[in-house]
């Protein structure tokens, strides 16, 4: 996001971080025989996220995170399920990813006498810190009554302030903090039906695209 570094894979399965100004490169991770995976940058340019198999190219994949400042790699999910396509939210509070962990409604094979599980992927979102609220908090149906009439002047003033702010420069993003203790346990399934997902990214309006 700050255009100071570029992350890229080579054909040997190695992930590098290149400094744009100096041209120097640093090896971040290498998986022999592994295929290059999409990389997601955090909003503060200090974290990289990608997915790769836990042990070998035949094992389940997990989500991995790299602290650029400290040069440390963390395995964020266990690899019990196939997790892939991580994408940071624009505000640096959540990480989205896909996971094959929906095994409802299996089909019974006509031949082979076994169960077939298809379309097992779901979309997940993880609060990056323990204090960050869940992306889909419970909704309350309580209504507050007021005798004062709403003239709408407050809404008009807010719109004028927003229009003024549109012309101002964007503020520097807040540092992204990640609590790895209980990371996967904080994952929440998003209200999207199961299926097969790929190419997760977040647009300039903070919306998840897949």
C-alpha atoms as a PDB file:
ATOM      1  CA  UNK A   1       0.000   0.000   0.000  1.00  0.00           C
ATOM      2  CA  UNK A   2       2.860   2.455   0.620  1.00  0.00           C
ATOM      3  CA  UNK A   3       4.495   1.437  -2.702  1.00  0.00           C
ATOM      4  CA  UNK A   4       7.869   0.952  -1.003  1.00  0.00           C
ATOM      5  CA  UNK A   5       8.019  -2.846  -1.330  1.00  0.00           C
ATOM      6  CA  UNK A   6       6.835  -5.496  -3.771  1.00  0.00           C
ATOM      7  CA  UNK A   7       6.104  -9.130  -2.882  1.00  0.00           C
ATOM      8  CA  UNK A   8       6.526 -11.746  -5.607  1.00  0.00           C
ATOM      9  CA  UNK A   9       6.942 -15.493  -6.150  1.00  0.00           C
ATOM     10  CA  UNK A  10       9.381 -17.216  -8.485  1.00  0.00           C
ATOM     11  CA  UNK A  11       8.928 -20.535 -10.249  1.00  0.00           C
ATOM     12  CA  UNK A  12      10.798 -22.437  -7.520  1.00  0.00           C
ATOM     13  CA  UNK A  13       8.038 -21.711  -4.979  1.00  0.00           C
ATOM     14  CA  UNK A  14       9.999 -18.951  -3.212  1.00  0.00           C
ATOM     15  CA  UNK A  15       8.347 -15.771  -1.926  1.00  0.00           C
ATOM     16  CA  UNK A  16      10.496 -12.629  -2.017  1.00  0.00           C
ATOM     17  CA  UNK A  17      10.148  -9.089  -0.763  1.00  0.00           C
ATOM     18  CA  UNK A  18      11.776  -6.453  -2.974  1.00  0.00           C
ATOM     19  CA  UNK A  19      12.667  -2.920  -1.930  1.00  0.00           C
ATOM     20  CA  UNK A  20      11.556  -0.553  -4.691  1.00  0.00           C
ATOM     21  CA  UNK A  21      14.162   2.147  -3.990  1.00  0.00           C
ATOM     22  CA  UNK A  22      17.269  -0.010  -3.584  1.00  0.00           C
ATOM     23  CA  UNK A  23      16.218  -2.983  -5.693  1.00  0.00           C
ATOM     24  CA  UNK A  24      17.361  -5.419  -2.995  1.00  0.00           C
ATOM     25  CA  UNK A  25      15.381  -8.613  -2.383  1.00  0.00           C
ATOM     26  CA  UNK A  26      14.783 -10.697   0.729  1.00  0.00           C
ATOM     27  CA  UNK A  27      13.661 -14.322   0.844  1.00  0.00           C
ATOM     28  CA  UNK A  28      10.501 -14.586   2.939  1.00  0.00           C
ATOM     29  CA  UNK A  29       9.476 -18.205   2.440  1.00  0.00           C
ATOM     30  CA  UNK A  30      10.123 -21.180   0.165  1.00  0.00           C
ATOM     31  CA  UNK A  31       8.121 -24.329  -0.433  1.00  0.00           C
ATOM     32  CA  UNK A  32       9.749 -26.887  -2.695  1.00  0.00           C
ATOM     33  CA  UNK A  33       7.328 -27.889  -5.426  1.00  0.00           C
ATOM     34  CA  UNK A  34       4.722 -25.441  -4.179  1.00  0.00           C
ATOM     35  CA  UNK A  35       2.646 -23.294  -6.497  1.00  0.00           C
ATOM     36  CA  UNK A  36       2.719 -19.498  -6.121  1.00  0.00           C
ATOM     37  CA  UNK A  37      -0.249 -18.155  -4.160  1.00  0.00           C
ATOM     38  CA  UNK A  38      -1.851 -14.733  -4.067  1.00  0.00           C
ATOM     39  CA  UNK A  39      -0.388 -12.403  -1.437  1.00  0.00           C
ATOM     40  CA  UNK A  40      -2.364  -9.819   0.529  1.00  0.00           C
ATOM     41  CA  UNK A  41      -0.835  -6.698   2.110  1.00  0.00           C
ATOM     42  CA  UNK A  42      -2.171  -5.124   5.290  1.00  0.00           C
ATOM     43  CA  UNK A  43      -3.200  -1.462   5.172  1.00  0.00           C
ATOM     44  CA  UNK A  44      -0.081  -0.362   7.098  1.00  0.00           C
ATOM     45  CA  UNK A  45       2.279  -2.294   4.769  1.00  0.00           C
ATOM     46  CA  UNK A  46       3.732  -4.262   7.681  1.00  0.00           C
ATOM     47  CA  UNK A  47       2.008  -7.626   7.177  1.00  0.00           C
ATOM     48  CA  UNK A  48       1.866 -10.116   4.328  1.00  0.00           C
ATOM     49  CA  UNK A  49      -0.586 -13.006   4.183  1.00  0.00           C
ATOM     50  CA  UNK A  50      -0.728 -16.025   1.901  1.00  0.00           C
ATOM     51  CA  UNK A  51      -1.620 -19.716   2.044  1.00  0.00           C
ATOM     52  CA  UNK A  52       0.500 -22.816   1.586  1.00  0.00           C
ATOM     53  CA  UNK A  53       0.417 -26.536   2.504  1.00  0.00           C
ATOM     54  CA  UNK A  54       1.369 -27.238   6.102  1.00  0.00           C
ATOM     55  CA  UNK A  55       3.780 -30.134   5.513  1.00  0.00           C
ATOM     56  CA  UNK A  56       3.904 -31.085   1.842  1.00  0.00           C
ATOM     57  CA  UNK A  57       2.166 -30.185  -1.395  1.00  0.00           C
ATOM     58  CA  UNK A  58      -0.277 -33.056  -0.721  1.00  0.00           C
ATOM     59  CA  UNK A  59      -1.394 -31.795   2.707  1.00  0.00           C
ATOM     60  CA  UNK A  60      -4.064 -29.238   3.606  1.00  0.00           C
ATOM     61  CA  UNK A  61      -3.164 -25.580   3.276  1.00  0.00           C
ATOM     62  CA  UNK A  62      -3.126 -23.027   6.084  1.00  0.00           C
ATOM     63  CA  UNK A  63      -3.050 -19.237   6.323  1.00  0.00           C
ATOM     64  CA  UNK A  64       0.380 -17.746   7.002  1.00  0.00           C
ATOM     65  CA  UNK A  65       1.345 -14.223   8.064  1.00  0.00           C
ATOM     66  CA  UNK A  66       4.678 -12.424   7.794  1.00  0.00           C
ATOM     67  CA  UNK A  67       5.688  -9.501  10.012  1.00  0.00           C
ATOM     68  CA  UNK A  68       7.738  -7.317   7.656  1.00  0.00           C
ATOM     69  CA  UNK A  69       9.243  -5.191  10.425  1.00  0.00           C
ATOM     70  CA  UNK A  70      10.376  -8.132  12.580  1.00  0.00           C
ATOM     71  CA  UNK A  71      10.981 -10.617   9.779  1.00  0.00           C
ATOM     72  CA  UNK A  72       8.854 -13.283  11.515  1.00  0.00           C
ATOM     73  CA  UNK A  73       6.537 -15.879   9.931  1.00  0.00           C
ATOM     74  CA  UNK A  74       3.445 -17.130  11.759  1.00  0.00           C
ATOM     75  CA  UNK A  75       1.123 -20.018  10.904  1.00  0.00           C
ATOM     76  CA  UNK A  76      -2.288 -18.497  11.626  1.00  0.00           C
ATOM     77  CA  UNK A  77      -4.592 -21.483  11.014  1.00  0.00           C
ATOM     78  CA  UNK A  78      -4.049 -25.149  11.860  1.00  0.00           C
ATOM     79  CA  UNK A  79      -4.381 -26.731   8.430  1.00  0.00           C
ATOM     80  CA  UNK A  80      -7.090 -29.142   9.616  1.00  0.00           C
ATOM     81  CA  UNK A  81      -9.185 -27.658   6.820  1.00  0.00           C
ATOM     82  CA  UNK A  82      -8.045 -26.276   3.485  1.00  0.00           C
ATOM     83  CA  UNK A  83      -7.738 -22.521   4.105  1.00  0.00           C
ATOM     84  CA  UNK A  84      -6.821 -20.181   1.268  1.00  0.00           C
ATOM     85  CA  UNK A  85      -7.175 -16.751  -0.399  1.00  0.00           C
ATOM     86  CA  UNK A  86      -6.542 -14.471   2.617  1.00  0.00           C
ATOM     87  CA  UNK A  87      -7.373 -10.776   2.189  1.00  0.00           C
ATOM     88  CA  UNK A  88      -6.951  -7.972   4.741  1.00  0.00           C
ATOM     89  CA  UNK A  89      -9.800  -5.542   5.344  1.00  0.00           C
ATOM     90  CA  UNK A  90      -9.128  -1.890   4.504  1.00  0.00           C
ATOM     91  CA  UNK A  91      -9.350  -0.803   8.145  1.00  0.00           C
ATOM     92  CA  UNK A  92      -6.810  -3.428   9.245  1.00  0.00           C
ATOM     93  CA  UNK A  93      -9.205  -5.071  11.690  1.00  0.00           C
ATOM     94  CA  UNK A  94     -10.124  -8.303   9.900  1.00  0.00           C
ATOM     95  CA  UNK A  95      -8.692 -10.996   7.670  1.00  0.00           C
ATOM     96  CA  UNK A  96     -10.986 -12.734   5.181  1.00  0.00           C
ATOM     97  CA  UNK A  97     -10.266 -16.194   3.794  1.00  0.00           C
ATOM     98  CA  UNK A  98     -11.915 -19.264   2.277  1.00  0.00           C
ATOM     99  CA  UNK A  99     -12.092 -22.603   4.077  1.00  0.00           C
ATOM    100  CA  UNK A 100     -13.388 -26.083   3.248  1.00  0.00           C
ATOM    101  CA  UNK A 101     -15.229 -26.663   6.514  1.00  0.00           C
ATOM    102  CA  UNK A 102     -18.887 -27.037   5.505  1.00  0.00           C
ATOM    103  CA  UNK A 103     -19.753 -30.733   5.266  1.00  0.00           C
ATOM    104  CA  UNK A 104     -23.531 -30.658   5.433  1.00  0.00           C
ATOM    105  CA  UNK A 105     -25.777 -32.322   2.827  1.00  0.00           C
ATOM    106  CA  UNK A 106     -23.392 -35.003   1.526  1.00  0.00           C
ATOM    107  CA  UNK A 107     -24.324 -37.140  -1.480  1.00  0.00           C
ATOM    108  CA  UNK A 108     -24.250 -40.910  -1.481  1.00  0.00           C
ATOM    109  CA  UNK A 109     -22.369 -42.453  -4.393  1.00  0.00           C
ATOM    110  CA  UNK A 110     -24.301 -44.820  -6.636  1.00  0.00           C
ATOM    111  CA  UNK A 111     -21.141 -46.871  -6.970  1.00  0.00           C
ATOM    112  CA  UNK A 112     -18.468 -47.249  -4.375  1.00  0.00           C
ATOM    113  CA  UNK A 113     -20.814 -47.106  -1.350  1.00  0.00           C
ATOM    114  CA  UNK A 114     -19.352 -43.936   0.061  1.00  0.00           C
ATOM    115  CA  UNK A 115     -20.297 -40.335   0.806  1.00  0.00           C
ATOM    116  CA  UNK A 116     -19.340 -37.493  -1.532  1.00  0.00           C
ATOM    117  CA  UNK A 117     -18.746 -34.007  -0.151  1.00  0.00           C
ATOM    118  CA  UNK A 118     -18.815 -31.201  -2.723  1.00  0.00           C
ATOM    119  CA  UNK A 119     -18.972 -27.410  -2.556  1.00  0.00           C
ATOM    120  CA  UNK A 120     -17.528 -27.412   0.972  1.00  0.00           C
ATOM    121  CA  UNK A 121     -15.928 -23.954   0.905  1.00  0.00           C
ATOM    122  CA  UNK A 122     -17.253 -21.032   2.936  1.00  0.00           C
ATOM    123  CA  UNK A 123     -16.135 -17.446   3.445  1.00  0.00           C
ATOM    124  CA  UNK A 124     -14.673 -16.572   6.863  1.00  0.00           C
ATOM    125  CA  UNK A 125     -13.646 -13.389   8.634  1.00  0.00           C
ATOM    126  CA  UNK A 126     -11.289 -13.216  11.615  1.00  0.00           C
ATOM    127  CA  UNK A 127     -10.976 -10.257  14.006  1.00  0.00           C
ATOM    128  CA  UNK A 128      -7.211  -9.690  14.124  1.00  0.00           C
ATOM    129  CA  UNK A 129      -7.178  -8.859  17.834  1.00  0.00           C
ATOM    130  CA  UNK A 130      -9.055 -10.262  20.810  1.00  0.00           C
ATOM    131  CA  UNK A 131     -10.615  -6.857  21.493  1.00  0.00           C
ATOM    132  CA  UNK A 132     -11.941  -6.369  17.967  1.00  0.00           C
ATOM    133  CA  UNK A 133     -15.709  -7.040  17.790  1.00  0.00           C
ATOM    134  CA  UNK A 134     -17.044  -9.786  15.571  1.00  0.00           C
ATOM    135  CA  UNK A 135     -17.795  -8.619  12.009  1.00  0.00           C
ATOM    136  CA  UNK A 136     -21.440  -9.661  12.402  1.00  0.00           C
ATOM    137  CA  UNK A 137     -22.531  -8.740  15.933  1.00  0.00           C
ATOM    138  CA  UNK A 138     -25.998  -9.779  17.190  1.00  0.00           C
ATOM    139  CA  UNK A 139     -28.797  -7.420  16.212  1.00  0.00           C
ATOM    140  CA  UNK A 140     -31.246  -6.071  18.784  1.00  0.00           C
ATOM    141  CA  UNK A 141     -34.831  -5.243  17.845  1.00  0.00           C
ATOM    142  CA  UNK A 142     -35.313  -2.685  20.606  1.00  0.00           C
ATOM    143  CA  UNK A 143     -36.598   0.697  19.471  1.00  0.00           C
ATOM    144  CA  UNK A 144     -36.013   4.026  21.159  1.00  0.00           C
ATOM    145  CA  UNK A 145     -38.848   6.553  21.187  1.00  0.00           C
ATOM    146  CA  UNK A 146     -38.381  10.277  21.263  1.00  0.00           C
ATOM    147  CA  UNK A 147     -40.876  13.132  21.449  1.00  0.00           C
ATOM    148  CA  UNK A 148     -38.534  15.498  19.634  1.00  0.00           C
ATOM    149  CA  UNK A 149     -39.155  15.887  15.932  1.00  0.00           C
ATOM    150  CA  UNK A 150     -36.209  15.211  13.643  1.00  0.00           C
ATOM    151  CA  UNK A 151     -35.803  18.130  11.260  1.00  0.00           C
ATOM    152  CA  UNK A 152     -33.019  16.449   9.331  1.00  0.00           C
ATOM    153  CA  UNK A 153     -30.649  19.386   9.911  1.00  0.00           C
ATOM    154  CA  UNK A 154     -28.137  17.117  11.596  1.00  0.00           C
ATOM    155  CA  UNK A 155     -28.011  14.775   8.603  1.00  0.00           C
ATOM    156  CA  UNK A 156     -27.502  17.699   6.222  1.00  0.00           C
ATOM    157  CA  UNK A 157     -24.608  18.965   8.326  1.00  0.00           C
ATOM    158  CA  UNK A 158     -23.005  15.536   8.335  1.00  0.00           C
ATOM    159  CA  UNK A 159     -23.273  15.338   4.542  1.00  0.00           C
ATOM    160  CA  UNK A 160     -21.606  18.750   4.195  1.00  0.00           C
ATOM    161  CA  UNK A 161     -18.754  17.634   6.469  1.00  0.00           C
ATOM    162  CA  UNK A 162     -18.292  14.464   4.412  1.00  0.00           C
ATOM    163  CA  UNK A 163     -18.134  16.472   1.192  1.00  0.00           C
ATOM    164  CA  UNK A 164     -15.476  18.732   2.715  1.00  0.00           C
ATOM    165  CA  UNK A 165     -13.455  15.733   3.873  1.00  0.00           C
ATOM    166  CA  UNK A 166     -13.490  14.239   0.364  1.00  0.00           C
ATOM    167  CA  UNK A 167     -11.010  16.845  -0.786  1.00  0.00           C
ATOM    168  CA  UNK A 168      -8.581  16.310   2.050  1.00  0.00           C
ATOM    169  CA  UNK A 169      -5.608  13.957   1.933  1.00  0.00           C
ATOM    170  CA  UNK A 170      -6.057  10.496   3.388  1.00  0.00           C
ATOM    171  CA  UNK A 171      -4.632   9.968   6.844  1.00  0.00           C
ATOM    172  CA  UNK A 172      -1.831   7.489   7.443  1.00  0.00           C
ATOM    173  CA  UNK A 173      -3.312   4.075   8.334  1.00  0.00           C
ATOM    174  CA  UNK A 174      -3.126   2.892  11.920  1.00  0.00           C
ATOM    175  CA  UNK A 175      -0.591   0.122  12.705  1.00  0.00           C
ATOM    176  CA  UNK A 176      -2.170  -3.303  12.270  1.00  0.00           C
ATOM    177  CA  UNK A 177      -2.009  -5.482  15.385  1.00  0.00           C
ATOM    178  CA  UNK A 178      -2.526  -9.251  15.357  1.00  0.00           C
ATOM    179  CA  UNK A 179      -3.171 -11.589  18.304  1.00  0.00           C
ATOM    180  CA  UNK A 180      -2.178 -15.100  17.244  1.00  0.00           C
ATOM    181  CA  UNK A 181      -3.448 -16.727  20.434  1.00  0.00           C
ATOM    182  CA  UNK A 182      -6.901 -18.086  19.554  1.00  0.00           C
ATOM    183  CA  UNK A 183      -6.691 -16.695  16.013  1.00  0.00           C
ATOM    184  CA  UNK A 184      -8.580 -19.470  14.225  1.00  0.00           C
ATOM    185  CA  UNK A 185     -11.139 -19.808  17.035  1.00  0.00           C
ATOM    186  CA  UNK A 186     -12.230 -16.206  16.356  1.00  0.00           C
ATOM    187  CA  UNK A 187     -13.118 -17.021  12.725  1.00  0.00           C
ATOM    188  CA  UNK A 188     -16.728 -16.281  11.819  1.00  0.00           C
ATOM    189  CA  UNK A 189     -18.554 -17.739   8.828  1.00  0.00           C
ATOM    190  CA  UNK A 190     -19.981 -14.998   6.620  1.00  0.00           C
ATOM    191  CA  UNK A 191     -23.643 -15.288   5.546  1.00  0.00           C
ATOM    192  CA  UNK A 192     -22.863 -16.588   2.074  1.00  0.00           C
ATOM    193  CA  UNK A 193     -23.859 -20.042   0.907  1.00  0.00           C
ATOM    194  CA  UNK A 194     -21.223 -22.735   0.581  1.00  0.00           C
ATOM    195  CA  UNK A 195     -19.573 -23.219  -2.793  1.00  0.00           C
ATOM    196  CA  UNK A 196     -16.198 -22.776  -4.493  1.00  0.00           C
ATOM    197  CA  UNK A 197     -14.508 -19.385  -4.008  1.00  0.00           C
ATOM    198  CA  UNK A 198     -11.335 -17.771  -5.323  1.00  0.00           C
ATOM    199  CA  UNK A 199      -9.703 -14.411  -5.911  1.00  0.00           C
ATOM    200  CA  UNK A 200     -10.728 -12.746  -2.635  1.00  0.00           C
ATOM    201  CA  UNK A 201      -9.864  -9.049  -2.443  1.00  0.00           C
ATOM    202  CA  UNK A 202     -11.201  -5.859  -0.861  1.00  0.00           C
ATOM    203  CA  UNK A 203     -12.108  -2.889  -3.053  1.00  0.00           C
ATOM    204  CA  UNK A 204     -11.513   0.805  -2.351  1.00  0.00           C
ATOM    205  CA  UNK A 205     -14.860   1.024  -0.526  1.00  0.00           C
ATOM    206  CA  UNK A 206     -13.927  -1.754   1.904  1.00  0.00           C
ATOM    207  CA  UNK A 207     -16.228  -4.339   0.325  1.00  0.00           C
ATOM    208  CA  UNK A 208     -15.176  -7.973  -0.005  1.00  0.00           C
ATOM    209  CA  UNK A 209     -15.028  -9.127  -3.620  1.00  0.00           C
ATOM    210  CA  UNK A 210     -14.891 -12.819  -4.582  1.00  0.00           C
END
